[in-house]
Each structure stands twice: as C-alpha cells, then as structure tokens.
Amino acid sequence: MVTIAQKTRLGAVALLVSVASLLACGSDKAVAPPEESPQIDVRFVSTDVPEAVKSAVAEAQARWSRALSKDLGSFRLNSPANTCFSGAPALNETHPNLLILISFFPIDGQHGQLAATKICGMSSRDALPMLSAIRIDSEDFDLMVAEGVLTAVITHEMGHALGFVPQSYLMKGLAGGGRNDPYFQGTTARSEFAAHGAWYTGVAVPLEDVTGAGPNDPHWRFSVFADELMSSFLVHGFRSPLSTITLGFFKDLGYAVDFSVADAYEVIPPSAGNRIFPGYNLLGDVELTVPPKSVTPLITH
C-alpha cells in the first residue's frame, strides 16, 4: 500500500509517504447507474478478512452514510490488477458515487503501521474521491482489537477516503497558512469551530503543524483538537468523537450534511490538568506526492 499510518507511544513522529502508480480509467460512453446508488460502496479485496474488521467497516460505512450525501454521478473504471496498489483487483465496470477497496494485508510487522488510505480517483467535476483504497495491517489487527481502537482507525481512514484530503480541499481553495500554522478556511467548519472552541486565538480551523507539511497534512491539529476523530492521533481510552466541526468541513467540500449524526464535542483549552497525550500516530496516512487520477462523471443522477 502506498500510504501508511504509523503507531507510536509518546515518541517522535515521522511522515512516511511513497509513490505508487495511478488508476487508469476513462470512457466517453454514458451508462445509466442503478436506480438506487449507495453513497459509499465498500468492497473487500482480501479473502481472509476477520469478522471484527467487517463489522467495524460496516459501522463506519453506516455512520458516514448517515452523515454525508452527495450525488457524484457514475464513473467508468477500467484498470488492470495492481494499478492503484499492490493487490488491487482489475476493474472493468461503471460505478456510481464512491467505491472503497478494503484490503487486509501485512504492512510492516507487529507494533508498527496500523492502516493506510490512498485516493485512487477523483471526480473532475466535484474534486471529491470516487475511488479510494484502505489497507488494514493484518499483523496489528490483534493489537487494535485489544486496545479498542479498530473502529476508530477505520472510521478515521474512511473520513480520508471520503475527501478529508488535500487533493480535495486545496483544489477548492479551502486551506491556507504556511508550514508552521496551516488552517482550513471553509465557512461552515469555521462557524462550528467558533461555537465549540471560542477560546482559540489563532487562525481557524487549525490543521496539524508538527510535520512541516503545511496545509498538505490532512488532520486537525492534535494540540488543539486532542481526541477528535480526524485529529492526527488516536488516544487510548478516549472516544474519538465525530464533531460538527468535521461535518462542517465536509459541508464546505460540497456534501449535504446531517449534523445530528455528530457526537457531543468541545474544543477544550489545554492545561496541566486536562492534557491528553498522543497514543497512536496517524500522520502520513494519506499520500501527498502523487495526485490521483482525475475522472469525469459519465452521467449525473
């Protein structure tokens, strides 16, 4: 898999990215989509996926599907095996909305990388993913189950697969700042952030700043957001709540959003008494070096 999420315990963090081949797809032939098209279609490409992984994927899929909706149209997918990532199946179909390929393979041995997401194809019309891939490290599966973070990891990665990626928000001009103080500037996310984190005096909404990648790092800043779902770290024993700020982010991207799906969440000022320390590092889990294939919808439905 081309992108990785590295686990660490109170240590230094590293941004790890590698280069992979792009999805080859495209056709001018318009094909009508099914009458009812799911917002998120998941497809397991491994044969030995544990039931716990399938259950966590289903839970994440159901939650994001309740929260977000958008008619992306249908796309012609035509690519040989291993195009998007090693182990990817050959594709020859017309598919509506977003397809997520989910694999369960070793990445780097035990106590290392937990999961990875790659955006394989983007809608040229909406600048949103229409083909994504998530890999779950099979050798860290038992650890994630024992630590109670499996569902949080998968829900986080699915957030990236849906568009919490610089390939979407930078294309739409929704982020700014330099290497030391990047931020997301969508109006809805900013409004929600102001409602739940009025104490913050910096430029909102703060993206992660520890990697030096500037607005290319697609995570909320951990020093501000702590255990929020799309923060750069998961924290053992905490909830990883899906906030209205994150849902506001997706509304700014162009999704219709049901804010009632969000968890209760407040951006709490850090202090000696409430400081949360990072546990599982998810930095580097979105590829930043190679853009995904741009694909034009065949039909709007």
C-alpha atoms as a PDB file:
ATOM      1  CA  MET A   1       0.000   0.000   0.000  1.00  0.00           C
ATOM      2  CA  VAL A   2       1.398   3.408  -0.851  1.00  0.00           C
ATOM      3  CA  THR A   3       0.443   5.315   2.242  1.00  0.00           C
ATOM      4  CA  ILE A   4       0.815   4.366   5.872  1.00  0.00           C
ATOM      5  CA  ALA A   5      -0.279   5.229   9.374  1.00  0.00           C
ATOM      6  CA  GLN A   6       2.477   4.657  11.931  1.00  0.00           C
ATOM      7  CA  LYS A   7       1.791   3.805  15.587  1.00  0.00           C
ATOM      8  CA  THR A   8       3.924   5.408  18.240  1.00  0.00           C
ATOM      9  CA  ARG A   9       3.843   5.826  22.012  1.00  0.00           C
ATOM     10  CA  LEU A  10       4.838   9.349  23.141  1.00  0.00           C
ATOM     11  CA  GLY A  11       7.669   9.408  20.646  1.00  0.00           C
ATOM     12  CA  ALA A  12       8.762  11.361  17.662  1.00  0.00           C
ATOM     13  CA  VAL A  13       6.532  11.317  14.647  1.00  0.00           C
ATOM     14  CA  ALA A  14       7.533  10.819  11.050  1.00  0.00           C
ATOM     15  CA  LEU A  15       5.710  11.475   7.844  1.00  0.00           C
ATOM     16  CA  LEU A  16       6.094   8.450   5.614  1.00  0.00           C
ATOM     17  CA  VAL A  17       4.971   8.568   2.042  1.00  0.00           C
ATOM     18  CA  SER A  18       5.812   6.562  -1.032  1.00  0.00           C
ATOM     19  CA  VAL A  19       4.987   6.698  -4.681  1.00  0.00           C
ATOM     20  CA  ALA A  20       2.543   4.392  -6.412  1.00  0.00           C
ATOM     21  CA  SER A  21       1.106   4.026  -9.874  1.00  0.00           C
ATOM     22  CA  LEU A  22      -2.110   5.798 -10.741  1.00  0.00           C
ATOM     23  CA  LEU A  23      -5.513   4.471 -11.647  1.00  0.00           C
ATOM     24  CA  ALA A  24      -6.093   4.232 -15.380  1.00  0.00           C
ATOM     25  CA  CYS A  25      -9.707   4.803 -16.218  1.00  0.00           C
ATOM     26  CA  GLY A  26     -11.910   6.665 -18.631  1.00  0.00           C
ATOM     27  CA  SER A  27     -14.553   6.285 -21.263  1.00  0.00           C
ATOM     28  CA  ASP A  28     -16.911   8.570 -23.135  1.00  0.00           C
ATOM     29  CA  LYS A  29     -19.769   6.075 -23.155  1.00  0.00           C
ATOM     30  CA  ALA A  30     -22.626   7.103 -20.872  1.00  0.00           C
ATOM     31  CA  VAL A  31     -24.117   4.255 -18.874  1.00  0.00           C
ATOM     32  CA  ALA A  32     -27.109   4.710 -16.588  1.00  0.00           C
ATOM     33  CA  PRO A  33     -26.471   3.971 -12.899  1.00  0.00           C
ATOM     34  CA  PRO A  34     -28.570   1.661 -10.758  1.00  0.00           C
ATOM     35  CA  GLU A  35     -31.862   3.153  -9.612  1.00  0.00           C
ATOM     36  CA  GLU A  36     -30.583   3.394  -6.045  1.00  0.00           C
ATOM     37  CA  SER A  37     -26.891   4.184  -5.621  1.00  0.00           C
ATOM     38  CA  PRO A  38     -25.276   3.992  -2.169  1.00  0.00           C
ATOM     39  CA  GLN A  39     -23.223   6.969  -1.083  1.00  0.00           C
ATOM     40  CA  ILE A  40     -20.397   4.637  -0.055  1.00  0.00           C
ATOM     41  CA  ASP A  41     -19.822   1.207  -1.566  1.00  0.00           C
ATOM     42  CA  VAL A  42     -17.167  -0.928   0.131  1.00  0.00           C
ATOM     43  CA  ARG A  43     -15.529  -3.939  -1.486  1.00  0.00           C
ATOM     44  CA  PHE A  44     -13.204  -6.317   0.338  1.00  0.00           C
ATOM     45  CA  VAL A  45     -10.309  -7.400  -1.862  1.00  0.00           C
ATOM     46  CA  SER A  46      -8.795  -9.855   0.637  1.00  0.00           C
ATOM     47  CA  THR A  47     -10.193 -13.329   1.271  1.00  0.00           C
ATOM     48  CA  ASP A  48      -9.310 -13.682   4.963  1.00  0.00           C
ATOM     49  CA  VAL A  49     -10.827 -10.529   6.454  1.00  0.00           C
ATOM     50  CA  PRO A  50     -11.820 -11.145  10.109  1.00  0.00           C
ATOM     51  CA  GLU A  51     -15.421 -10.590  11.083  1.00  0.00           C
ATOM     52  CA  ALA A  52     -14.323  -7.872  13.507  1.00  0.00           C
ATOM     53  CA  VAL A  53     -12.887  -5.879  10.599  1.00  0.00           C
ATOM     54  CA  LYS A  54     -16.031  -6.383   8.529  1.00  0.00           C
ATOM     55  CA  SER A  55     -18.144  -5.254  11.463  1.00  0.00           C
ATOM     56  CA  ALA A  56     -16.017  -2.148  12.059  1.00  0.00           C
ATOM     57  CA  VAL A  57     -16.110  -1.283   8.351  1.00  0.00           C
ATOM     58  CA  ALA A  58     -19.896  -1.681   8.292  1.00  0.00           C
ATOM     59  CA  GLU A  59     -20.231   0.548  11.350  1.00  0.00           C
ATOM     60  CA  ALA A  60     -18.023   3.250   9.815  1.00  0.00           C
ATOM     61  CA  GLN A  61     -19.797   2.978   6.457  1.00  0.00           C
ATOM     62  CA  ALA A  62     -23.229   3.300   8.067  1.00  0.00           C
ATOM     63  CA  ARG A  63     -22.211   6.282  10.150  1.00  0.00           C
ATOM     64  CA  TRP A  64     -20.594   8.238   7.346  1.00  0.00           C
ATOM     65  CA  SER A  65     -23.527   7.374   5.054  1.00  0.00           C
ATOM     66  CA  ARG A  66     -25.948   8.854   7.578  1.00  0.00           C
ATOM     67  CA  ALA A  67     -23.832  11.960   7.956  1.00  0.00           C
ATOM     68  CA  LEU A  68     -22.979  12.746   4.331  1.00  0.00           C
ATOM     69  CA  SER A  69     -24.742  12.632   0.991  1.00  0.00           C
ATOM     70  CA  LYS A  70     -23.891  13.860  -2.487  1.00  0.00           C
ATOM     71  CA  ASP A  71     -24.760  12.707  -5.971  1.00  0.00           C
ATOM     72  CA  LEU A  72     -21.347  12.313  -7.575  1.00  0.00           C
ATOM     73  CA  GLY A  73     -22.633  10.619 -10.731  1.00  0.00           C
ATOM     74  CA  SER A  74     -21.288   7.429 -12.315  1.00  0.00           C
ATOM     75  CA  PHE A  75     -17.739   6.719 -13.421  1.00  0.00           C
ATOM     76  CA  ARG A  76     -16.187   4.306 -15.860  1.00  0.00           C
ATOM     77  CA  LEU A  77     -13.490   2.240 -14.116  1.00  0.00           C
ATOM     78  CA  ASN A  78     -11.152   0.300 -16.363  1.00  0.00           C
ATOM     79  CA  SER A  79      -7.778  -0.699 -14.963  1.00  0.00           C
ATOM     80  CA  PRO A  80      -5.666  -3.870 -14.704  1.00  0.00           C
ATOM     81  CA  ALA A  81      -4.878  -5.568 -11.414  1.00  0.00           C
ATOM     82  CA  ASN A  82      -2.409  -3.852  -9.073  1.00  0.00           C
ATOM     83  CA  THR A  83      -2.956  -0.443 -10.662  1.00  0.00           C
ATOM     84  CA  CYS A  84      -3.943   1.546  -7.599  1.00  0.00           C
ATOM     85  CA  PHE A  85      -1.995  -0.546  -5.081  1.00  0.00           C
ATOM     86  CA  SER A  86      -0.342  -3.940  -4.818  1.00  0.00           C
ATOM     87  CA  GLY A  87      -3.133  -6.472  -4.598  1.00  0.00           C
ATOM     88  CA  ALA A  88      -5.773  -4.225  -6.153  1.00  0.00           C
ATOM     89  CA  PRO A  89      -8.260  -6.103  -8.345  1.00  0.00           C
ATOM     90  CA  ALA A  90      -8.760  -5.422 -12.028  1.00  0.00           C
ATOM     91  CA  LEU A  91     -11.691  -3.067 -12.609  1.00  0.00           C
ATOM     92  CA  ASN A  92     -13.962  -3.010 -15.639  1.00  0.00           C
ATOM     93  CA  GLU A  93     -17.294  -1.513 -14.656  1.00  0.00           C
ATOM     94  CA  THR A  94     -19.400   1.596 -14.403  1.00  0.00           C
ATOM     95  CA  HIS A  95     -19.815   2.561 -10.761  1.00  0.00           C
ATOM     96  CA  PRO A  96     -21.904   5.281  -9.094  1.00  0.00           C
ATOM     97  CA  ASN A  97     -20.587   7.520  -6.332  1.00  0.00           C
ATOM     98  CA  LEU A  98     -17.686   6.358  -4.153  1.00  0.00           C
ATOM     99  CA  LEU A  99     -16.144   2.886  -4.218  1.00  0.00           C
ATOM    100  CA  ILE A 100     -13.721   1.997  -1.407  1.00  0.00           C
ATOM    101  CA  LEU A 101     -11.479  -1.041  -1.835  1.00  0.00           C
ATOM    102  CA  ILE A 102     -10.545  -2.523   1.531  1.00  0.00           C
ATOM    103  CA  SER A 103      -7.632  -4.900   1.977  1.00  0.00           C
ATOM    104  CA  PHE A 104      -6.290  -6.805   4.963  1.00  0.00           C
ATOM    105  CA  PHE A 105      -2.583  -7.479   4.450  1.00  0.00           C
ATOM    106  CA  PRO A 106       0.670  -7.176   6.407  1.00  0.00           C
ATOM    107  CA  ILE A 107       2.337  -3.792   6.202  1.00  0.00           C
ATOM    108  CA  ASP A 108       5.417  -3.753   8.442  1.00  0.00           C
ATOM    109  CA  GLY A 109       5.134  -6.346  11.175  1.00  0.00           C
ATOM    110  CA  GLN A 110       3.691  -6.018  14.644  1.00  0.00           C
ATOM    111  CA  HIS A 111       3.558  -2.761  16.580  1.00  0.00           C
ATOM    112  CA  GLY A 112       4.112  -0.595  13.519  1.00  0.00           C
ATOM    113  CA  GLN A 113       1.786   0.838  10.942  1.00  0.00           C
ATOM    114  CA  LEU A 114      -1.915   0.350  11.638  1.00  0.00           C
ATOM    115  CA  ALA A 115      -3.667   1.323   8.417  1.00  0.00           C
ATOM    116  CA  ALA A 116      -3.341   3.312   5.202  1.00  0.00           C
ATOM    117  CA  THR A 117      -5.534   5.219   2.767  1.00  0.00           C
ATOM    118  CA  LYS A 118      -4.957   6.060  -0.879  1.00  0.00           C
ATOM    119  CA  ILE A 119      -7.141   8.183  -3.119  1.00  0.00           C
ATOM    120  CA  CYS A 120      -7.093   6.379  -6.459  1.00  0.00           C
ATOM    121  CA  GLY A 121      -9.517   8.510  -8.457  1.00  0.00           C
ATOM    122  CA  MET A 122     -11.097  11.957  -8.076  1.00  0.00           C
ATOM    123  CA  SER A 123     -14.159  13.432  -9.738  1.00  0.00           C
ATOM    124  CA  SER A 124     -13.014  16.168 -12.091  1.00  0.00           C
ATOM    125  CA  ARG A 125     -16.331  17.936 -11.553  1.00  0.00           C
ATOM    126  CA  ASP A 126     -16.526  17.901  -7.751  1.00  0.00           C
ATOM    127  CA  ALA A 127     -12.890  17.395  -6.676  1.00  0.00           C
ATOM    128  CA  LEU A 128     -14.087  14.576  -4.411  1.00  0.00           C
ATOM    129  CA  PRO A 129     -12.884  10.962  -4.302  1.00  0.00           C
ATOM    130  CA  MET A 130     -14.788   8.434  -6.389  1.00  0.00           C
ATOM    131  CA  LEU A 131     -12.330   5.551  -5.904  1.00  0.00           C
ATOM    132  CA  SER A 132     -10.341   5.086  -2.699  1.00  0.00           C
ATOM    133  CA  ALA A 133      -8.440   2.285  -1.014  1.00  0.00           C
ATOM    134  CA  ILE A 134      -7.935   1.463   2.666  1.00  0.00           C
ATOM    135  CA  ARG A 135      -5.431  -1.126   3.852  1.00  0.00           C
ATOM    136  CA  ILE A 136      -5.611  -2.523   7.378  1.00  0.00           C
ATOM    137  CA  ASP A 137      -2.428  -4.039   8.767  1.00  0.00           C
ATOM    138  CA  SER A 138      -3.239  -7.691   9.436  1.00  0.00           C
ATOM    139  CA  GLU A 139      -0.264  -8.030  11.785  1.00  0.00           C
ATOM    140  CA  ASP A 140      -1.539  -5.258  14.040  1.00  0.00           C
ATOM    141  CA  PHE A 141      -5.148  -6.461  13.973  1.00  0.00           C
ATOM    142  CA  ASP A 142      -4.955  -8.168  17.383  1.00  0.00           C
ATOM    143  CA  LEU A 143      -3.386  -5.045  18.899  1.00  0.00           C
ATOM    144  CA  MET A 144      -6.135  -2.775  17.548  1.00  0.00           C
ATOM    145  CA  VAL A 145      -8.815  -5.099  18.903  1.00  0.00           C
ATOM    146  CA  ALA A 146      -7.131  -5.407  22.302  1.00  0.00           C
ATOM    147  CA  GLU A 147      -6.652  -1.643  22.564  1.00  0.00           C
ATOM    148  CA  GLY A 148     -10.207  -0.950  21.427  1.00  0.00           C
ATOM    149  CA  VAL A 149      -9.207   1.315  18.519  1.00  0.00           C
ATOM    150  CA  LEU A 150     -10.117  -0.793  15.459  1.00  0.00           C
ATOM    151  CA  THR A 151     -13.392   1.000  14.699  1.00  0.00           C
ATOM    152  CA  ALA A 152     -11.834   4.417  15.327  1.00  0.00           C
ATOM    153  CA  VAL A 153      -8.937   3.654  12.965  1.00  0.00           C
ATOM    154  CA  ILE A 154     -11.266   2.515  10.190  1.00  0.00           C
ATOM    155  CA  THR A 155     -13.703   5.406  10.695  1.00  0.00           C
ATOM    156  CA  HIS A 156     -10.776   7.843  10.550  1.00  0.00           C
ATOM    157  CA  GLU A 157      -9.419   6.294   7.362  1.00  0.00           C
ATOM    158  CA  MET A 158     -12.882   6.324   5.790  1.00  0.00           C
ATOM    159  CA  GLY A 159     -13.045  10.057   6.514  1.00  0.00           C
ATOM    160  CA  HIS A 160      -9.936  10.462   4.379  1.00  0.00           C
ATOM    161  CA  ALA A 161     -11.401   8.188   1.705  1.00  0.00           C
ATOM    162  CA  LEU A 162     -14.441  10.491   1.505  1.00  0.00           C
ATOM    163  CA  GLY A 163     -12.416  13.643   0.965  1.00  0.00           C
ATOM    164  CA  PHE A 164     -10.574  14.755   4.110  1.00  0.00           C
ATOM    165  CA  VAL A 165      -7.514  15.045   1.891  1.00  0.00           C
ATOM    166  CA  PRO A 166      -5.539  17.983   0.460  1.00  0.00           C
ATOM    167  CA  GLN A 167      -6.372  16.807  -3.060  1.00  0.00           C
ATOM    168  CA  SER A 168      -9.954  17.937  -2.316  1.00  0.00           C
ATOM    169  CA  TYR A 169      -9.715  20.962  -0.053  1.00  0.00           C
ATOM    170  CA  LEU A 170      -6.690  22.569  -1.718  1.00  0.00           C
ATOM    171  CA  MET A 171      -8.336  22.169  -5.119  1.00  0.00           C
ATOM    172  CA  LYS A 172     -11.283  24.133  -3.738  1.00  0.00           C
ATOM    173  CA  GLY A 173      -9.105  26.840  -2.195  1.00  0.00           C
ATOM    174  CA  LEU A 174     -10.212  25.952   1.339  1.00  0.00           C
ATOM    175  CA  ALA A 175      -6.869  25.898   3.151  1.00  0.00           C
ATOM    176  CA  GLY A 176      -4.048  28.306   3.787  1.00  0.00           C
ATOM    177  CA  GLY A 177      -1.174  29.131   6.071  1.00  0.00           C
ATOM    178  CA  GLY A 178       2.456  28.156   5.896  1.00  0.00           C
ATOM    179  CA  ARG A 179       4.427  25.229   7.242  1.00  0.00           C
ATOM    180  CA  ASN A 180       4.124  26.392  10.844  1.00  0.00           C
ATOM    181  CA  ASP A 181       0.451  27.410  11.066  1.00  0.00           C
ATOM    182  CA  PRO A 182      -1.753  25.729   8.419  1.00  0.00           C
ATOM    183  CA  TYR A 183      -5.521  26.070   8.607  1.00  0.00           C
ATOM    184  CA  PHE A 184      -8.768  25.091   6.920  1.00  0.00           C
ATOM    185  CA  GLN A 185     -10.850  28.126   5.980  1.00  0.00           C
ATOM    186  CA  GLY A 186     -14.236  26.730   4.987  1.00  0.00           C
ATOM    187  CA  THR A 187     -17.025  28.918   6.369  1.00  0.00           C
ATOM    188  CA  THR A 188     -19.103  26.121   7.914  1.00  0.00           C
ATOM    189  CA  ALA A 189     -16.180  24.462   9.681  1.00  0.00           C
ATOM    190  CA  ARG A 190     -15.045  27.858  10.959  1.00  0.00           C
ATOM    191  CA  SER A 191     -18.517  28.620  12.283  1.00  0.00           C
ATOM    192  CA  GLU A 192     -18.710  25.282  14.099  1.00  0.00           C
ATOM    193  CA  PHE A 193     -15.195  25.712  15.455  1.00  0.00           C
ATOM    194  CA  ALA A 194     -16.067  29.166  16.805  1.00  0.00           C
ATOM    195  CA  ALA A 195     -19.127  27.702  18.513  1.00  0.00           C
ATOM    196  CA  HIS A 196     -17.123  24.972  20.261  1.00  0.00           C
ATOM    197  CA  GLY A 197     -13.633  26.479  20.626  1.00  0.00           C
ATOM    198  CA  ALA A 198     -14.094  30.226  21.123  1.00  0.00           C
ATOM    199  CA  TRP A 199     -11.007  30.337  23.373  1.00  0.00           C
ATOM    200  CA  TYR A 200      -8.677  29.698  20.427  1.00  0.00           C
ATOM    201  CA  THR A 201      -6.990  32.906  19.248  1.00  0.00           C
ATOM    202  CA  GLY A 202      -5.115  31.555  16.228  1.00  0.00           C
ATOM    203  CA  VAL A 203      -6.323  31.327  12.651  1.00  0.00           C
ATOM    204  CA  ALA A 204      -9.136  28.793  12.408  1.00  0.00           C
ATOM    205  CA  VAL A 205      -9.518  25.962  11.738  1.00  0.00           C
ATOM    206  CA  PRO A 206      -6.026  24.702  12.683  1.00  0.00           C
ATOM    207  CA  LEU A 207      -4.588  21.811  10.683  1.00  0.00           C
ATOM    208  CA  GLU A 208      -1.726  19.709  12.030  1.00  0.00           C
ATOM    209  CA  ASP A 209       1.571  21.591  12.193  1.00  0.00           C
ATOM    210  CA  VAL A 210       4.080  19.056  13.544  1.00  0.00           C
ATOM    211  CA  THR A 211       5.125  17.570  10.191  1.00  0.00           C
ATOM    212  CA  GLY A 212       6.089  20.772   8.423  1.00  0.00           C
ATOM    213  CA  ALA A 213       3.811  19.828   5.519  1.00  0.00           C
ATOM    214  CA  GLY A 214       1.668  22.935   5.944  1.00  0.00           C
ATOM    215  CA  PRO A 215      -1.929  22.586   4.681  1.00  0.00           C
ATOM    216  CA  ASN A 216      -0.958  19.323   2.959  1.00  0.00           C
ATOM    217  CA  ASP A 217      -1.327  17.484   6.272  1.00  0.00           C
ATOM    218  CA  PRO A 218      -4.981  16.369   6.316  1.00  0.00           C
ATOM    219  CA  HIS A 219      -5.609  16.206  10.059  1.00  0.00           C
ATOM    220  CA  TRP A 220      -6.908  18.549  12.710  1.00  0.00           C
ATOM    221  CA  ARG A 221      -4.146  19.825  14.982  1.00  0.00           C
ATOM    222  CA  PHE A 222      -3.779  17.426  17.898  1.00  0.00           C
ATOM    223  CA  SER A 223      -2.598  20.122  20.327  1.00  0.00           C
ATOM    224  CA  VAL A 224      -5.981  21.834  19.817  1.00  0.00           C
ATOM    225  CA  PHE A 225      -8.412  19.022  18.952  1.00  0.00           C
ATOM    226  CA  ALA A 226      -6.986  16.233  21.127  1.00  0.00           C
ATOM    227  CA  ASP A 227      -9.111  13.082  20.630  1.00  0.00           C
ATOM    228  CA  GLU A 228     -11.444  14.318  17.848  1.00  0.00           C
ATOM    229  CA  LEU A 229     -11.881  11.673  15.131  1.00  0.00           C
ATOM    230  CA  MET A 230      -9.887  13.419  12.391  1.00  0.00           C
ATOM    231  CA  SER A 231      -7.081  14.539  14.674  1.00  0.00           C
ATOM    232  CA  SER A 232      -3.610  13.260  13.884  1.00  0.00           C
ATOM    233  CA  PHE A 233      -3.509  10.843  16.826  1.00  0.00           C
ATOM    234  CA  LEU A 234      -5.825   8.323  18.399  1.00  0.00           C
ATOM    235  CA  VAL A 235      -5.845   8.319  22.175  1.00  0.00           C
ATOM    236  CA  HIS A 236      -6.279   5.024  24.028  1.00  0.00           C
ATOM    237  CA  GLY A 237      -9.296   5.104  26.309  1.00  0.00           C
ATOM    238  CA  PHE A 238     -10.907   8.131  24.651  1.00  0.00           C
ATOM    239  CA  ARG A 239     -13.927   8.272  22.324  1.00  0.00           C
ATOM    240  CA  SER A 240     -12.567   9.678  19.026  1.00  0.00           C
ATOM    241  CA  PRO A 241     -15.785  11.720  18.599  1.00  0.00           C
ATOM    242  CA  LEU A 242     -17.062  12.817  15.191  1.00  0.00           C
ATOM    243  CA  SER A 243     -17.619  16.542  15.720  1.00  0.00           C
ATOM    244  CA  THR A 244     -19.814  19.104  13.996  1.00  0.00           C
ATOM    245  CA  ILE A 245     -16.546  20.792  13.000  1.00  0.00           C
ATOM    246  CA  THR A 246     -15.568  17.787  10.886  1.00  0.00           C
ATOM    247  CA  LEU A 247     -19.079  17.586   9.449  1.00  0.00           C
ATOM    248  CA  GLY A 248     -18.821  21.301   8.688  1.00  0.00           C
ATOM    249  CA  PHE A 249     -15.589  20.531   6.838  1.00  0.00           C
ATOM    250  CA  PHE A 250     -17.451  18.083   4.610  1.00  0.00           C
ATOM    251  CA  LYS A 251     -20.269  20.574   4.025  1.00  0.00           C
ATOM    252  CA  ASP A 252     -17.655  23.060   2.846  1.00  0.00           C
ATOM    253  CA  LEU A 253     -16.401  20.390   0.423  1.00  0.00           C
ATOM    254  CA  GLY A 254     -19.879  20.174  -1.110  1.00  0.00           C
ATOM    255  CA  TYR A 255     -21.598  17.335   0.725  1.00  0.00           C
ATOM    256  CA  ALA A 256     -25.073  17.632   2.185  1.00  0.00           C
ATOM    257  CA  VAL A 257     -24.631  17.012   5.915  1.00  0.00           C
ATOM    258  CA  ASP A 258     -26.805  15.721   8.735  1.00  0.00           C
ATOM    259  CA  PHE A 259     -25.309  17.391  11.800  1.00  0.00           C
ATOM    260  CA  SER A 260     -27.426  15.270  14.137  1.00  0.00           C
ATOM    261  CA  VAL A 261     -25.030  12.379  13.480  1.00  0.00           C
ATOM    262  CA  ALA A 262     -22.214  14.218  15.277  1.00  0.00           C
ATOM    263  CA  ASP A 263     -21.061  13.340  18.782  1.00  0.00           C
ATOM    264  CA  ALA A 264     -21.011  15.844  21.609  1.00  0.00           C
ATOM    265  CA  TYR A 265     -17.614  17.531  21.477  1.00  0.00           C
ATOM    266  CA  GLU A 266     -15.962  20.699  22.749  1.00  0.00           C
ATOM    267  CA  VAL A 267     -12.525  22.063  21.899  1.00  0.00           C
ATOM    268  CA  ILE A 268     -11.044  22.261  25.389  1.00  0.00           C
ATOM    269  CA  PRO A 269      -8.145  24.634  26.115  1.00  0.00           C
ATOM    270  CA  PRO A 270      -5.034  22.621  27.019  1.00  0.00           C
ATOM    271  CA  SER A 271      -3.862  22.897  30.604  1.00  0.00           C
ATOM    272  CA  ALA A 272      -1.840  20.873  33.051  1.00  0.00           C
ATOM    273  CA  GLY A 273      -4.997  19.285  34.375  1.00  0.00           C
ATOM    274  CA  ASN A 274      -6.582  18.156  31.135  1.00  0.00           C
ATOM    275  CA  ARG A 275      -3.612  17.490  28.888  1.00  0.00           C
ATOM    276  CA  ILE A 276      -4.127  14.434  26.634  1.00  0.00           C
ATOM    277  CA  PHE A 277      -1.009  12.676  25.407  1.00  0.00           C
ATOM    278  CA  PRO A 278      -0.850  11.095  21.960  1.00  0.00           C
ATOM    279  CA  GLY A 279      -1.091   7.344  21.632  1.00  0.00           C
ATOM    280  CA  TYR A 280      -1.431   6.044  18.068  1.00  0.00           C
ATOM    281  CA  ASN A 281       0.095   8.193  15.362  1.00  0.00           C
ATOM    282  CA  LEU A 282      -1.961   8.505  12.168  1.00  0.00           C
ATOM    283  CA  LEU A 283       0.254  11.084  10.495  1.00  0.00           C
ATOM    284  CA  GLY A 284       1.304  10.121   6.986  1.00  0.00           C
ATOM    285  CA  ASP A 285      -1.794   8.042   6.220  1.00  0.00           C
ATOM    286  CA  VAL A 286      -2.657   9.955   3.032  1.00  0.00           C
ATOM    287  CA  GLU A 287      -0.340  10.095   0.047  1.00  0.00           C
ATOM    288  CA  LEU A 288       0.936  13.597  -0.639  1.00  0.00           C
ATOM    289  CA  THR A 289       3.340  13.081  -3.541  1.00  0.00           C
ATOM    290  CA  VAL A 290       1.307  11.726  -6.467  1.00  0.00           C
ATOM    291  CA  PRO A 291      -2.102  13.137  -7.435  1.00  0.00           C
ATOM    292  CA  PRO A 292      -4.940  10.675  -8.040  1.00  0.00           C
ATOM    293  CA  LYS A 293      -6.397  10.115 -11.460  1.00  0.00           C
ATOM    294  CA  SER A 294      -8.973  12.744 -12.448  1.00  0.00           C
ATOM    295  CA  VAL A 295     -12.143  11.142 -13.810  1.00  0.00           C
ATOM    296  CA  THR A 296     -15.154  12.841 -15.401  1.00  0.00           C
ATOM    297  CA  PRO A 297     -18.613  11.581 -14.412  1.00  0.00           C
ATOM    298  CA  LEU A 298     -20.428   9.798 -17.216  1.00  0.00           C
ATOM    299  CA  ILE A 299     -23.868  10.788 -16.067  1.00  0.00           C
ATOM    300  CA  THR A 300     -25.420  12.916 -13.349  1.00  0.00           C
ATOM    301  CA  HIS A 301     -28.146  11.142 -11.417  1.00  0.00           C
END
